């Protein structure tokens, strides 16, 4: 008996901005098969994400009975592994760049513009720049302007810069490993 292809219909799906962005990052193209729960779920007939629009549209042909979960939520589940791989590759890239620069100074974004030292507790000020917490706290007690640009600050609120803190911690850990292995941690003076 010949194999019969069962049609479950197709549908245009309006996507949120974050899901459109996710599909762009993942590189979804027309004709791609989207898997859900380890099995083919839908075929991408058309992915429209015009540059003038924040959200996109996706036309899919279902390869099995559609589930009741909104497609936006399904995309998060379908691409969870891909998202985790992107996060992992980003961390690996940072570590590799750090290894390549093992004999050089710390990246400039790790340096507080007030103390001129590697930050331990980086915070974002309202000028969108990062500073060592104790240094910017001291500055803000007597100033209402950015210490770097001298522009007026809209407010004196500080917010922890956790991604920067994580990168500094990874870099510091690598430095300690190099020091323990007897590798130079500074480039030699000419």
Protein backbone atom coordinates (compact mmCIF):
# COMPACT_ATOMS: atom_id res chain seq x y z
CA UNK A 1 0.00 0.00 0.00
CA UNK A 2 1.32 3.46 -0.83
CA UNK A 3 2.07 5.72 2.11
CA UNK A 4 -0.58 8.38 2.48
CA UNK A 5 0.36 11.82 3.75
CA UNK A 6 -2.23 13.05 6.19
CA UNK A 7 -3.00 16.79 6.14
CA UNK A 8 -3.76 18.51 9.41
CA UNK A 9 -4.18 21.91 7.80
CA UNK A 10 -2.11 25.00 7.79
CA UNK A 11 -2.31 28.28 9.64
CA UNK A 12 -0.80 31.77 9.78
CA UNK A 13 0.53 32.42 13.26
CA UNK A 14 1.20 35.91 14.59
CA UNK A 15 4.44 35.90 16.58
CA UNK A 16 5.51 38.04 19.48
CA UNK A 17 8.64 40.17 19.14
CA UNK A 18 10.68 37.78 21.28
CA UNK A 19 9.58 34.70 19.30
CA UNK A 20 10.29 36.46 15.98
CA UNK A 21 13.74 37.34 17.30
CA UNK A 22 14.26 33.74 18.46
CA UNK A 23 13.35 32.35 15.03
CA UNK A 24 15.75 34.81 13.39
CA UNK A 25 18.57 33.74 15.75
CA UNK A 26 17.83 30.07 15.18
CA UNK A 27 17.77 30.70 11.43
CA UNK A 28 14.35 29.27 10.62
CA UNK A 29 13.74 29.16 6.87
CA UNK A 30 10.87 28.22 4.61
CA UNK A 31 10.65 24.43 4.32
CA UNK A 32 12.16 23.71 7.75
CA UNK A 33 10.53 21.01 9.85
CA UNK A 34 9.86 22.01 13.48
CA UNK A 35 10.05 19.17 16.01
CA UNK A 36 8.03 19.00 19.21
CA UNK A 37 8.45 16.26 21.81
CA UNK A 38 11.05 14.58 19.60
CA UNK A 39 8.79 14.20 16.56
CA UNK A 40 8.07 16.35 13.49
CA UNK A 41 5.28 18.77 14.36
CA UNK A 42 5.00 21.40 11.64
CA UNK A 43 6.59 22.49 8.38
CA UNK A 44 7.43 26.17 7.90
CA UNK A 45 5.65 27.32 4.74
CA UNK A 46 6.54 30.99 5.12
CA UNK A 47 8.32 33.06 7.78
CA UNK A 48 7.68 36.77 7.38
CA UNK A 49 9.64 39.16 9.54
CA UNK A 50 9.78 42.47 7.69
CA UNK A 51 12.38 44.97 8.93
CA UNK A 52 9.60 47.53 9.40
CA UNK A 53 7.69 45.25 11.78
CA UNK A 54 8.62 44.23 15.29
CA UNK A 55 6.61 41.04 15.26
CA UNK A 56 6.52 38.46 12.50
CA UNK A 57 4.17 35.93 10.99
CA UNK A 58 4.70 32.27 10.37
CA UNK A 59 2.68 30.01 8.08
CA UNK A 60 2.91 26.40 9.14
CA UNK A 61 1.51 23.12 7.83
CA UNK A 62 0.85 20.76 10.68
CA UNK A 63 2.29 17.25 10.33
CA UNK A 64 0.22 15.90 13.22
CA UNK A 65 -2.72 17.02 15.31
CA UNK A 66 -1.99 20.54 16.61
CA UNK A 67 -1.77 20.95 20.37
CA UNK A 68 -3.77 23.62 22.17
CA UNK A 69 -0.69 25.51 23.44
CA UNK A 70 -0.15 28.86 21.70
CA UNK A 71 2.55 28.61 19.03
CA UNK A 72 4.67 31.32 20.73
CA UNK A 73 4.98 29.13 23.84
CA UNK A 74 5.70 26.03 21.73
CA UNK A 75 8.61 27.83 20.02
CA UNK A 76 10.26 28.39 23.38
CA UNK A 77 9.98 24.66 24.12
CA UNK A 78 11.01 23.60 20.59
CA UNK A 79 14.15 25.73 20.63
CA UNK A 80 15.12 25.34 24.31
CA UNK A 81 18.12 23.16 23.40
CA UNK A 82 19.18 25.63 20.72
CA UNK A 83 18.94 28.53 23.19
CA UNK A 84 21.03 26.63 25.75
CA UNK A 85 23.61 25.83 23.06
CA UNK A 86 23.86 29.53 22.12
CA UNK A 87 24.40 30.43 25.80
CA UNK A 88 27.05 27.71 26.13
CA UNK A 89 28.83 28.76 22.92
CA UNK A 90 28.83 32.37 24.10
CA UNK A 91 30.49 31.33 27.38
CA UNK A 92 33.03 29.17 25.51
CA UNK A 93 33.79 32.05 23.11
CA UNK A 94 34.44 34.37 26.08
CA UNK A 95 36.76 31.82 27.70
CA UNK A 96 38.65 31.23 24.43
CA UNK A 97 39.11 34.97 23.91
CA UNK A 98 40.37 35.23 27.48
CA UNK A 99 42.79 32.35 26.89
CA UNK A 100 44.07 34.01 23.74
CA UNK A 101 44.70 37.19 25.73
CA UNK A 102 46.27 35.48 28.74
CA UNK A 103 49.39 37.65 28.70
CA UNK A 104 47.54 40.91 28.21
CA UNK A 105 45.77 43.43 30.39
CA UNK A 106 42.15 42.84 31.44
CA UNK A 107 39.45 43.89 28.96
CA UNK A 108 38.75 47.63 29.26
CA UNK A 109 35.09 47.03 30.16
CA UNK A 110 36.29 45.29 33.36
CA UNK A 111 38.02 48.47 34.54
CA UNK A 112 36.15 51.02 36.67
CA UNK A 113 36.61 54.49 35.15
CA UNK A 114 36.89 55.98 38.65
CA UNK A 115 39.29 53.57 40.39
CA UNK A 116 41.02 52.38 37.19
CA UNK A 117 41.01 48.84 38.66
CA UNK A 118 39.17 45.64 37.77
CA UNK A 119 35.69 45.86 39.28
CA UNK A 120 34.52 43.48 41.97
CA UNK A 121 30.95 44.76 42.39
CA UNK A 122 30.03 46.43 39.06
CA UNK A 123 26.86 48.51 38.91
CA UNK A 124 25.13 50.43 36.14
CA UNK A 125 24.46 54.11 36.81
CA UNK A 126 21.79 56.17 35.04
CA UNK A 127 24.41 57.27 32.46
CA UNK A 128 24.36 53.59 31.29
CA UNK A 129 28.01 53.12 32.29
CA UNK A 130 29.42 50.59 34.75
CA UNK A 131 31.35 51.54 37.86
CA UNK A 132 32.66 49.87 41.02
CA UNK A 133 29.83 50.22 43.55
CA UNK A 134 31.83 51.82 46.37
CA UNK A 135 33.48 54.32 43.99
CA UNK A 136 30.26 55.53 42.34
CA UNK A 137 28.48 55.63 45.73
CA UNK A 138 31.19 57.95 47.03
CA UNK A 139 31.01 60.06 43.83
CA UNK A 140 27.23 60.43 43.96
CA UNK A 141 27.31 61.74 47.54
CA UNK A 142 28.73 65.02 46.27
CA UNK A 143 27.97 65.11 42.52
CA UNK A 144 24.91 65.06 40.24
CA UNK A 145 26.87 64.53 37.01
CA UNK A 146 28.45 61.52 35.35
CA UNK A 147 32.05 61.08 36.46
CA UNK A 148 33.01 60.08 32.92
CA UNK A 149 30.97 62.36 30.65
CA UNK A 150 30.18 65.22 33.07
CA UNK A 151 26.59 65.15 31.77
CA UNK A 152 23.77 65.59 34.31
CA UNK A 153 22.51 62.26 35.69
CA UNK A 154 18.72 61.77 35.45
CA UNK A 155 18.81 60.00 38.85
CA UNK A 156 21.22 58.44 41.32
CA UNK A 157 19.83 54.89 41.09
CA UNK A 158 22.33 52.05 40.71
CA UNK A 159 21.59 48.59 39.35
CA UNK A 160 23.79 45.50 39.70
CA UNK A 161 25.50 44.57 36.42
CA UNK A 162 25.32 40.78 36.85
CA UNK A 163 26.45 39.81 33.31
CA UNK A 164 29.58 41.92 33.69
CA UNK A 165 30.19 40.53 37.19
CA UNK A 166 29.93 36.98 35.77
CA UNK A 167 32.42 37.74 32.98
CA UNK A 168 34.85 39.34 35.43
CA UNK A 169 34.54 36.28 37.72
CA UNK A 170 35.30 33.93 34.79
CA UNK A 171 38.27 36.06 33.74
CA UNK A 172 39.57 36.20 37.34
CA UNK A 173 39.24 32.42 37.65
CA UNK A 174 41.26 31.96 34.46
CA UNK A 175 43.92 34.36 35.76
CA UNK A 176 44.22 32.34 38.97
CA UNK A 177 44.61 29.13 36.93
CA UNK A 178 47.40 30.72 34.87
CA UNK A 179 49.11 31.97 38.02
CA UNK A 180 48.89 28.52 39.63
CA UNK A 181 50.38 26.99 36.48
CA UNK A 182 53.25 29.46 36.62
CA UNK A 183 52.19 31.32 33.48
CA UNK A 184 52.85 35.06 33.28
CA UNK A 185 49.81 37.18 34.03
CA UNK A 186 51.10 40.45 32.58
CA UNK A 187 52.81 41.12 29.30
CA UNK A 188 56.54 41.74 29.76
CA UNK A 189 57.78 45.32 29.50
CA UNK A 190 59.79 45.96 26.31
